[in-house]
């Protein structure tokens, strides 16, 4: 569904100031969220605790003024951080 949405909105928006303000680790977490990984899977992939992964996600929600993980994924696609291919 997200891929289909992203295909209709193919023009990446310029990277927002909020997205530019993310740490490298937050960008990594956002990318993994967009790939559909769970908190546990993100923690395993990045060799961090699940609580740390949740903290990064909470920071992303705040920094990007996102309502939920779906909104984070949409932001990742629209910003060009993730491509629909």
PDB file of N, CA and C in Angstrom:
ATOM      1  N   UNK A   1       0.827  -1.176   0.000  1.00  0.00           N
ATOM      2  CA  UNK A   1       0.000   0.000   0.000  1.00  0.00           C
ATOM      3  C   UNK A   1       0.878   1.249   0.000  1.00  0.00           C
ATOM      4  N   UNK A   2       1.912   1.252   0.831  1.00  0.00           N
ATOM      5  CA  UNK A   2       2.787   2.416   0.895  1.00  0.00           C
ATOM      6  C   UNK A   2       3.533   2.596  -0.410  1.00  0.00           C
ATOM      7  N   UNK A   3       3.973   1.491  -1.006  1.00  0.00           N
ATOM      8  CA  UNK A   3       4.674   1.565  -2.284  1.00  0.00           C
ATOM      9  C   UNK A   3       3.763   2.166  -3.343  1.00  0.00           C
ATOM     10  N   UNK A   4       2.518   1.738  -3.359  1.00  0.00           N
ATOM     11  CA  UNK A   4       1.560   2.281  -4.321  1.00  0.00           C
ATOM     12  C   UNK A   4       1.356   3.780  -4.079  1.00  0.00           C
ATOM     13  N   UNK A   5       1.231   4.175  -2.822  1.00  0.00           N
ATOM     14  CA  UNK A   5       1.090   5.589  -2.480  1.00  0.00           C
ATOM     15  C   UNK A   5       2.305   6.364  -2.964  1.00  0.00           C
ATOM     16  N   UNK A   6       3.480   5.824  -2.712  1.00  0.00           N
ATOM     17  CA  UNK A   6       4.719   6.509  -3.089  1.00  0.00           C
ATOM     18  C   UNK A   6       4.835   6.645  -4.608  1.00  0.00           C
ATOM     19  N   UNK A   7       4.350   5.669  -5.351  1.00  0.00           N
ATOM     20  CA  UNK A   7       4.410   5.733  -6.813  1.00  0.00           C
ATOM     21  C   UNK A   7       3.573   6.890  -7.355  1.00  0.00           C
ATOM     22  N   UNK A   8       2.482   7.211  -6.700  1.00  0.00           N
ATOM     23  CA  UNK A   8       1.627   8.309  -7.148  1.00  0.00           C
ATOM     24  C   UNK A   8       2.216   9.657  -6.804  1.00  0.00           C
ATOM     25  N   UNK A   9       3.073   9.684  -5.849  1.00  0.00           N
ATOM     26  CA  UNK A   9       3.673  10.936  -5.394  1.00  0.00           C
ATOM     27  C   UNK A   9       5.188  10.807  -5.591  1.00  0.00           C
ATOM     28  N   UNK A  10       5.624  10.723  -6.837  1.00  0.00           N
ATOM     29  CA  UNK A  10       6.996  10.365  -7.147  1.00  0.00           C
ATOM     30  C   UNK A  10       7.994  11.501  -6.982  1.00  0.00           C
ATOM     31  N   UNK A  11       7.530  12.716  -6.916  1.00  0.00           N
ATOM     32  CA  UNK A  11       8.454  13.838  -6.764  1.00  0.00           C
ATOM     33  C   UNK A  11       8.889  13.937  -5.310  1.00  0.00           C
ATOM     34  N   UNK A  12      10.162  13.630  -5.013  1.00  0.00           N
ATOM     35  CA  UNK A  12      10.584  13.783  -3.620  1.00  0.00           C
ATOM     36  C   UNK A  12      10.610  15.260  -3.244  1.00  0.00           C
ATOM     37  N   UNK A  13      10.077  15.528  -2.091  1.00  0.00           N
ATOM     38  CA  UNK A  13      10.102  16.897  -1.577  1.00  0.00           C
ATOM     39  C   UNK A  13      11.507  17.195  -1.082  1.00  0.00           C
ATOM     40  N   UNK A  14      11.878  18.456  -1.067  1.00  0.00           N
ATOM     41  CA  UNK A  14      13.179  18.773  -0.487  1.00  0.00           C
ATOM     42  C   UNK A  14      13.220  18.279   0.958  1.00  0.00           C
ATOM     43  N   UNK A  15      14.381  17.839   1.386  1.00  0.00           N
ATOM     44  CA  UNK A  15      14.505  17.324   2.743  1.00  0.00           C
ATOM     45  C   UNK A  15      14.139  18.438   3.726  1.00  0.00           C
ATOM     46  N   UNK A  16      13.204  18.134   4.584  1.00  0.00           N
ATOM     47  CA  UNK A  16      12.746  19.132   5.546  1.00  0.00           C
ATOM     48  C   UNK A  16      13.833  19.424   6.564  1.00  0.00           C
ATOM     49  N   UNK A  17      13.724  20.577   7.194  1.00  0.00           N
ATOM     50  CA  UNK A  17      14.693  20.946   8.230  1.00  0.00           C
ATOM     51  C   UNK A  17      14.688  19.905   9.340  1.00  0.00           C
ATOM     52  N   UNK A  18      13.515  19.382   9.662  1.00  0.00           N
ATOM     53  CA  UNK A  18      13.421  18.371  10.722  1.00  0.00           C
ATOM     54  C   UNK A  18      14.180  17.112  10.327  1.00  0.00           C
ATOM     55  N   UNK A  19      14.052  16.695   9.067  1.00  0.00           N
ATOM     56  CA  UNK A  19      14.752  15.489   8.622  1.00  0.00           C
ATOM     57  C   UNK A  19      16.257  15.728   8.584  1.00  0.00           C
ATOM     58  N   UNK A  20      16.664  16.903   8.187  1.00  0.00           N
ATOM     59  CA  UNK A  20      18.094  17.241   8.208  1.00  0.00           C
ATOM     60  C   UNK A  20      18.618  17.256   9.634  1.00  0.00           C
ATOM     61  N   UNK A  21      17.743  17.511  10.599  1.00  0.00           N
ATOM     62  CA  UNK A  21      18.140  17.578  11.997  1.00  0.00           C
ATOM     63  C   UNK A  21      18.246  16.222  12.686  1.00  0.00           C
ATOM     64  N   UNK A  22      17.948  15.140  11.959  1.00  0.00           N
ATOM     65  CA  UNK A  22      18.037  13.810  12.554  1.00  0.00           C
ATOM     66  C   UNK A  22      19.494  13.383  12.667  1.00  0.00           C
ATOM     67  N   UNK A  23      19.762  12.593  13.677  1.00  0.00           N
ATOM     68  CA  UNK A  23      21.089  11.998  13.796  1.00  0.00           C
ATOM     69  C   UNK A  23      21.213  10.877  12.771  1.00  0.00           C
ATOM     70  N   UNK A  24      22.422  10.435  12.530  1.00  0.00           N
ATOM     71  CA  UNK A  24      22.636   9.321  11.606  1.00  0.00           C
ATOM     72  C   UNK A  24      21.885   8.078  12.086  1.00  0.00           C
ATOM     73  N   UNK A  25      21.918   7.822  13.380  1.00  0.00           N
ATOM     74  CA  UNK A  25      21.228   6.655  13.934  1.00  0.00           C
ATOM     75  C   UNK A  25      19.721   6.789  13.736  1.00  0.00           C
ATOM     76  N   UNK A  26      19.167   7.980  13.923  1.00  0.00           N
ATOM     77  CA  UNK A  26      17.733   8.187  13.716  1.00  0.00           C
ATOM     78  C   UNK A  26      17.366   7.952  12.255  1.00  0.00           C
ATOM     79  N   UNK A  27      18.232   8.369  11.332  1.00  0.00           N
ATOM     80  CA  UNK A  27      17.982   8.092   9.911  1.00  0.00           C
ATOM     81  C   UNK A  27      17.996   6.584   9.649  1.00  0.00           C
ATOM     82  N   UNK A  28      18.923   5.883  10.282  1.00  0.00           N
ATOM     83  CA  UNK A  28      18.978   4.426  10.127  1.00  0.00           C
ATOM     84  C   UNK A  28      17.689   3.787  10.631  1.00  0.00           C
ATOM     85  N   UNK A  29      17.237   4.218  11.793  1.00  0.00           N
ATOM     86  CA  UNK A  29      16.006   3.673  12.375  1.00  0.00           C
ATOM     87  C   UNK A  29      14.817   3.991  11.475  1.00  0.00           C
ATOM     88  N   UNK A  30      14.750   5.216  10.970  1.00  0.00           N
ATOM     89  CA  UNK A  30      13.656   5.598  10.087  1.00  0.00           C
ATOM     90  C   UNK A  30      13.657   4.736   8.828  1.00  0.00           C
ATOM     91  N   UNK A  31      14.815   4.466   8.283  1.00  0.00           N
ATOM     92  CA  UNK A  31      14.925   3.611   7.106  1.00  0.00           C
ATOM     93  C   UNK A  31      14.420   2.203   7.414  1.00  0.00           C
ATOM     94  N   UNK A  32      14.782   1.684   8.563  1.00  0.00           N
ATOM     95  CA  UNK A  32      14.343   0.336   8.940  1.00  0.00           C
ATOM     96  C   UNK A  32      12.844   0.282   9.224  1.00  0.00           C
ATOM     97  N   UNK A  33      12.299   1.350   9.792  1.00  0.00           N
ATOM     98  CA  UNK A  33      10.844   1.424   9.979  1.00  0.00           C
ATOM     99  C   UNK A  33      10.162   1.365   8.618  1.00  0.00           C
ATOM    100  N   UNK A  34      10.705   2.122   7.658  1.00  0.00           N
ATOM    101  CA  UNK A  34      10.128   2.152   6.314  1.00  0.00           C
ATOM    102  C   UNK A  34      10.231   0.796   5.621  1.00  0.00           C
ATOM    103  N   UNK A  35      11.209  -0.020   6.017  1.00  0.00           N
ATOM    104  CA  UNK A  35      11.332  -1.370   5.470  1.00  0.00           C
ATOM    105  C   UNK A  35      10.365  -2.337   6.145  1.00  0.00           C
ATOM    106  N   UNK A  36       9.673  -1.870   7.178  1.00  0.00           N
ATOM    107  CA  UNK A  36       8.664  -2.689   7.839  1.00  0.00           C
ATOM    108  C   UNK A  36       9.157  -3.486   9.026  1.00  0.00           C
ATOM    109  N   UNK A  37      10.349  -3.180   9.520  1.00  0.00           N
ATOM    110  CA  UNK A  37      10.887  -3.929  10.650  1.00  0.00           C
ATOM    111  C   UNK A  37      10.197  -3.539  11.956  1.00  0.00           C
ATOM    112  N   UNK A  38      10.063  -4.509  12.837  1.00  0.00           N
ATOM    113  CA  UNK A  38       9.502  -4.270  14.175  1.00  0.00           C
ATOM    114  C   UNK A  38      10.584  -3.650  15.060  1.00  0.00           C
ATOM    115  N   UNK A  39      10.186  -3.196  16.235  1.00  0.00           N
ATOM    116  CA  UNK A  39      11.154  -2.649  17.188  1.00  0.00           C
ATOM    117  C   UNK A  39      12.234  -3.679  17.507  1.00  0.00           C
ATOM    118  N   UNK A  40      11.817  -4.910  17.730  1.00  0.00           N
ATOM    119  CA  UNK A  40      12.766  -5.982  18.046  1.00  0.00           C
ATOM    120  C   UNK A  40      13.749  -6.201  16.894  1.00  0.00           C
ATOM    121  N   UNK A  41      13.219  -6.233  15.672  1.00  0.00           N
ATOM    122  CA  UNK A  41      14.077  -6.444  14.499  1.00  0.00           C
ATOM    123  C   UNK A  41      15.041  -5.281  14.283  1.00  0.00           C
ATOM    124  N   UNK A  42      14.568  -4.064  14.524  1.00  0.00           N
ATOM    125  CA  UNK A  42      15.443  -2.883  14.424  1.00  0.00           C
ATOM    126  C   UNK A  42      16.578  -3.003  15.433  1.00  0.00           C
ATOM    127  N   UNK A  43      16.239  -3.376  16.650  1.00  0.00           N
ATOM    128  CA  UNK A  43      17.244  -3.527  17.700  1.00  0.00           C
ATOM    129  C   UNK A  43      18.280  -4.573  17.310  1.00  0.00           C
ATOM    130  N   UNK A  44      17.829  -5.697  16.797  1.00  0.00           N
ATOM    131  CA  UNK A  44      18.755  -6.743  16.374  1.00  0.00           C
ATOM    132  C   UNK A  44      19.664  -6.262  15.243  1.00  0.00           C
ATOM    133  N   UNK A  45      19.072  -5.622  14.259  1.00  0.00           N
ATOM    134  CA  UNK A  45      19.832  -5.171  13.085  1.00  0.00           C
ATOM    135  C   UNK A  45      20.912  -4.167  13.470  1.00  0.00           C
ATOM    136  N   UNK A  46      20.578  -3.273  14.428  1.00  0.00           N
ATOM    137  CA  UNK A  46      21.515  -2.211  14.803  1.00  0.00           C
ATOM    138  C   UNK A  46      22.359  -2.566  16.027  1.00  0.00           C
ATOM    139  N   UNK A  47      22.152  -3.769  16.558  1.00  0.00           N
ATOM    140  CA  UNK A  47      22.896  -4.221  17.738  1.00  0.00           C
ATOM    141  C   UNK A  47      22.715  -3.267  18.924  1.00  0.00           C
ATOM    142  N   UNK A  48      21.447  -2.936  19.171  1.00  0.00           N
ATOM    143  CA  UNK A  48      21.072  -2.078  20.297  1.00  0.00           C
ATOM    144  C   UNK A  48      19.950  -2.774  21.049  1.00  0.00           C
ATOM    145  N   UNK A  49      19.644  -2.289  22.231  1.00  0.00           N
ATOM    146  CA  UNK A  49      18.529  -2.838  22.988  1.00  0.00           C
ATOM    147  C   UNK A  49      17.200  -2.410  22.397  1.00  0.00           C
ATOM    148  N   UNK A  50      16.179  -3.210  22.638  1.00  0.00           N
ATOM    149  CA  UNK A  50      14.845  -2.871  22.132  1.00  0.00           C
ATOM    150  C   UNK A  50      14.354  -1.558  22.741  1.00  0.00           C
ATOM    151  N   UNK A  51      14.687  -1.309  23.996  1.00  0.00           N
ATOM    152  CA  UNK A  51      14.320  -0.043  24.632  1.00  0.00           C
ATOM    153  C   UNK A  51      14.975   1.142  23.946  1.00  0.00           C
ATOM    154  N   UNK A  52      16.205   0.963  23.516  1.00  0.00           N
ATOM    155  CA  UNK A  52      16.909   2.036  22.793  1.00  0.00           C
ATOM    156  C   UNK A  52      16.247   2.276  21.444  1.00  0.00           C
ATOM    157  N   UNK A  53      15.846   1.205  20.772  1.00  0.00           N
ATOM    158  CA  UNK A  53      15.138   1.355  19.498  1.00  0.00           C
ATOM    159  C   UNK A  53      13.842   2.135  19.708  1.00  0.00           C
ATOM    160  N   UNK A  54      13.118   1.804  20.761  1.00  0.00           N
ATOM    161  CA  UNK A  54      11.868   2.515  21.064  1.00  0.00           C
ATOM    162  C   UNK A  54      12.129   3.988  21.354  1.00  0.00           C
ATOM    163  N   UNK A  55      13.233   4.267  22.026  1.00  0.00           N
ATOM    164  CA  UNK A  55      13.590   5.668  22.312  1.00  0.00           C
ATOM    165  C   UNK A  55      13.861   6.420  21.016  1.00  0.00           C
ATOM    166  N   UNK A  56      14.595   5.801  20.101  1.00  0.00           N
ATOM    167  CA  UNK A  56      14.862   6.441  18.804  1.00  0.00           C
ATOM    168  C   UNK A  56      13.550   6.713  18.063  1.00  0.00           C
ATOM    169  N   UNK A  57      12.646   5.756  18.108  1.00  0.00           N
ATOM    170  CA  UNK A  57      11.356   5.922  17.428  1.00  0.00           C
ATOM    171  C   UNK A  57      10.557   7.048  18.064  1.00  0.00           C
ATOM    172  N   UNK A  58      10.562   7.100  19.369  1.00  0.00           N
ATOM    173  CA  UNK A  58       9.866   8.190  20.065  1.00  0.00           C
ATOM    174  C   UNK A  58      10.458   9.542  19.661  1.00  0.00           C
ATOM    175  N   UNK A  59      11.779   9.624  19.563  1.00  0.00           N
ATOM    176  CA  UNK A  59      12.431  10.874  19.138  1.00  0.00           C
ATOM    177  C   UNK A  59      12.036  11.220  17.703  1.00  0.00           C
ATOM    178  N   UNK A  60      11.977  10.207  16.831  1.00  0.00           N
ATOM    179  CA  UNK A  60      11.561  10.456  15.450  1.00  0.00           C
ATOM    180  C   UNK A  60      10.140  10.996  15.392  1.00  0.00           C
ATOM    181  N   UNK A  61       9.246  10.388  16.151  1.00  0.00           N
ATOM    182  CA  UNK A  61       7.858  10.858  16.172  1.00  0.00           C
ATOM    183  C   UNK A  61       7.780  12.317  16.599  1.00  0.00           C
ATOM    184  N   UNK A  62       8.576  12.679  17.593  1.00  0.00           N
ATOM    185  CA  UNK A  62       8.575  14.055  18.089  1.00  0.00           C
ATOM    186  C   UNK A  62       9.213  15.003  17.087  1.00  0.00           C
ATOM    187  N   UNK A  63      10.414  14.669  16.633  1.00  0.00           N
ATOM    188  CA  UNK A  63      11.144  15.554  15.732  1.00  0.00           C
ATOM    189  C   UNK A  63      10.428  15.768  14.404  1.00  0.00           C
ATOM    190  N   UNK A  64       9.766  14.737  13.907  1.00  0.00           N
ATOM    191  CA  UNK A  64       9.096  14.833  12.613  1.00  0.00           C
ATOM    192  C   UNK A  64       7.613  15.151  12.750  1.00  0.00           C
ATOM    193  N   UNK A  65       7.174  15.385  13.986  1.00  0.00           N
ATOM    194  CA  UNK A  65       5.777  15.721  14.263  1.00  0.00           C
ATOM    195  C   UNK A  65       4.841  14.703  13.600  1.00  0.00           C
ATOM    196  N   UNK A  66       5.191  13.433  13.775  1.00  0.00           N
ATOM    197  CA  UNK A  66       4.430  12.347  13.162  1.00  0.00           C
ATOM    198  C   UNK A  66       3.465  11.745  14.178  1.00  0.00           C
ATOM    199  N   UNK A  67       2.313  11.307  13.695  1.00  0.00           N
ATOM    200  CA  UNK A  67       1.294  10.708  14.556  1.00  0.00           C
ATOM    201  C   UNK A  67       1.629   9.271  14.937  1.00  0.00           C
ATOM    202  N   UNK A  68       2.238   8.541  13.983  1.00  0.00           N
ATOM    203  CA  UNK A  68       2.489   7.124  14.195  1.00  0.00           C
ATOM    204  C   UNK A  68       3.558   6.649  13.224  1.00  0.00           C
ATOM    205  N   UNK A  69       3.835   5.338  13.255  1.00  0.00           N
ATOM    206  CA  UNK A  69       4.868   4.768  12.384  1.00  0.00           C
ATOM    207  C   UNK A  69       4.525   4.928  10.908  1.00  0.00           C
ATOM    208  N   UNK A  70       3.251   4.820  10.566  1.00  0.00           N
ATOM    209  CA  UNK A  70       2.842   4.985   9.168  1.00  0.00           C
ATOM    210  C   UNK A  70       3.199   6.380   8.689  1.00  0.00           C
ATOM    211  N   UNK A  71       2.947   7.360   9.507  1.00  0.00           N
ATOM    212  CA  UNK A  71       3.279   8.738   9.155  1.00  0.00           C
ATOM    213  C   UNK A  71       4.797   8.885   8.979  1.00  0.00           C
ATOM    214  N   UNK A  72       5.576   8.184   9.805  1.00  0.00           N
ATOM    215  CA  UNK A  72       7.040   8.204   9.650  1.00  0.00           C
ATOM    216  C   UNK A  72       7.440   7.627   8.292  1.00  0.00           C
ATOM    217  N   UNK A  73       6.802   6.535   7.893  1.00  0.00           N
ATOM    218  CA  UNK A  73       7.117   5.901   6.605  1.00  0.00           C
ATOM    219  C   UNK A  73       6.783   6.850   5.459  1.00  0.00           C
ATOM    220  N   UNK A  74       5.634   7.474   5.519  1.00  0.00           N
ATOM    221  CA  UNK A  74       5.241   8.426   4.480  1.00  0.00           C
ATOM    222  C   UNK A  74       6.264   9.560   4.404  1.00  0.00           C
ATOM    223  N   UNK A  75       6.691  10.061   5.547  1.00  0.00           N
ATOM    224  CA  UNK A  75       7.694  11.124   5.584  1.00  0.00           C
ATOM    225  C   UNK A  75       9.001  10.651   4.951  1.00  0.00           C
ATOM    226  N   UNK A  76       9.407   9.423   5.234  1.00  0.00           N
ATOM    227  CA  UNK A  76      10.647   8.877   4.665  1.00  0.00           C
ATOM    228  C   UNK A  76      10.567   8.813   3.142  1.00  0.00           C
ATOM    229  N   UNK A  77       9.429   8.367   2.611  1.00  0.00           N
ATOM    230  CA  UNK A  77       9.259   8.297   1.160  1.00  0.00           C
ATOM    231  C   UNK A  77       9.192   9.687   0.539  1.00  0.00           C
ATOM    232  N   UNK A  78       8.401  10.545   1.118  1.00  0.00           N
ATOM    233  CA  UNK A  78       8.236  11.893   0.546  1.00  0.00           C
ATOM    234  C   UNK A  78       9.531  12.689   0.568  1.00  0.00           C
ATOM    235  N   UNK A  79      10.359  12.440   1.537  1.00  0.00           N
ATOM    236  CA  UNK A  79      11.617  13.192   1.647  1.00  0.00           C
ATOM    237  C   UNK A  79      12.690  12.660   0.717  1.00  0.00           C
ATOM    238  N   UNK A  80      12.461  11.484   0.139  1.00  0.00           N
ATOM    239  CA  UNK A  80      13.462  10.890  -0.727  1.00  0.00           C
ATOM    240  C   UNK A  80      14.461  10.028   0.038  1.00  0.00           C
ATOM    241  N   UNK A  81      14.293   9.907   1.355  1.00  0.00           N
ATOM    242  CA  UNK A  81      15.179   9.056   2.149  1.00  0.00           C
ATOM    243  C   UNK A  81      15.038   7.606   1.702  1.00  0.00           C
ATOM    244  N   UNK A  82      13.835   7.226   1.320  1.00  0.00           N
ATOM    245  CA  UNK A  82      13.521   5.887   0.839  1.00  0.00           C
ATOM    246  C   UNK A  82      12.909   6.026  -0.547  1.00  0.00           C
ATOM    247  N   UNK A  83      13.293   5.158  -1.458  1.00  0.00           N
ATOM    248  CA  UNK A  83      12.671   5.186  -2.784  1.00  0.00           C
ATOM    249  C   UNK A  83      11.692   4.023  -2.891  1.00  0.00           C
ATOM    250  N   UNK A  84      10.643   4.171  -3.699  1.00  0.00           N
ATOM    251  CA  UNK A  84       9.621   3.138  -3.800  1.00  0.00           C
ATOM    252  C   UNK A  84      10.095   1.876  -4.519  1.00  0.00           C
ATOM    253  N   UNK A  85      11.244   1.879  -5.128  1.00  0.00           N
ATOM    254  CA  UNK A  85      11.720   0.708  -5.881  1.00  0.00           C
ATOM    255  C   UNK A  85      12.361  -0.308  -5.013  1.00  0.00           C
TER     256      UNK A  85
END
